[in-house]
Amino acid sequence: MGEVLGLVGGVGSGKSSVAGLLRARGLLVLDADAEARAVVELPEVCRALAVRFGADVLDARGQLDRGRLAQRAFADPAATADLNALVHPRVRERLLAALEAAGDRPVVLDVPLLLESPLAARVTRWVFVEAPEAAREARVSGRGWPAGERARREGLQADLARKRARAAHVLENDGSLEHLEDQVAALLRQIGLAT
């Protein structure tokens, strides 16, 4: 297996931006959110979600109403745990299969809750994406999240100090995209993956 970079940071810190920059430089990015979007489209998962969260989480064509599902699934810890139990094992299987298929190719894991996941054992190098709290809040409010949602979701994850302490590399996402690109390039040179 090749180098596996694990991206960690606060909610809205720019991990996906860093993943995109790494992808542009030829690294294989495994995106758990993209895999989760694919998993919840599987007919058997849609049926299970409708049973647990109500038939109206599916529209008239049987397509998932993601907003309605999110409202119900994130309403309380038990509902969130049920959603995770339906989705996470399938996402993990897909990510593990992709890791195996990658062979010696460098891989980036863009996975929420990566530190808490069994996938953490596959990470060879941790990268923390740092961003000021105000910038993180602005990014998630741009996604339409209500005030306090970022803090609530972040509270369900390993704390930022633990994530930062785990990382051998810190990227400061507090400026322009060009500044972030320069840091990504320097990181790849430092670890011998420059293209």
Foldseek 3Di string as FASTA:
>chain_A
DAAEEEEDEAQQLCSVVLLVLVVVQPAAEQALVVLLVVLCQPLVLLVVLCVLQNVVCADPVRHGVVVSSCCRQVVDPVSVVVNCVSRVVSSVVVVVVVVVVCPRGYYYYNDPQCVVDPCVVVHPAYEYRDEDPVSSQVSVVVVVDDPPPSVVVRVVHDHRVVSVVRHPHYQYPYDDSVSSSVRSQVVCVVVVNGD
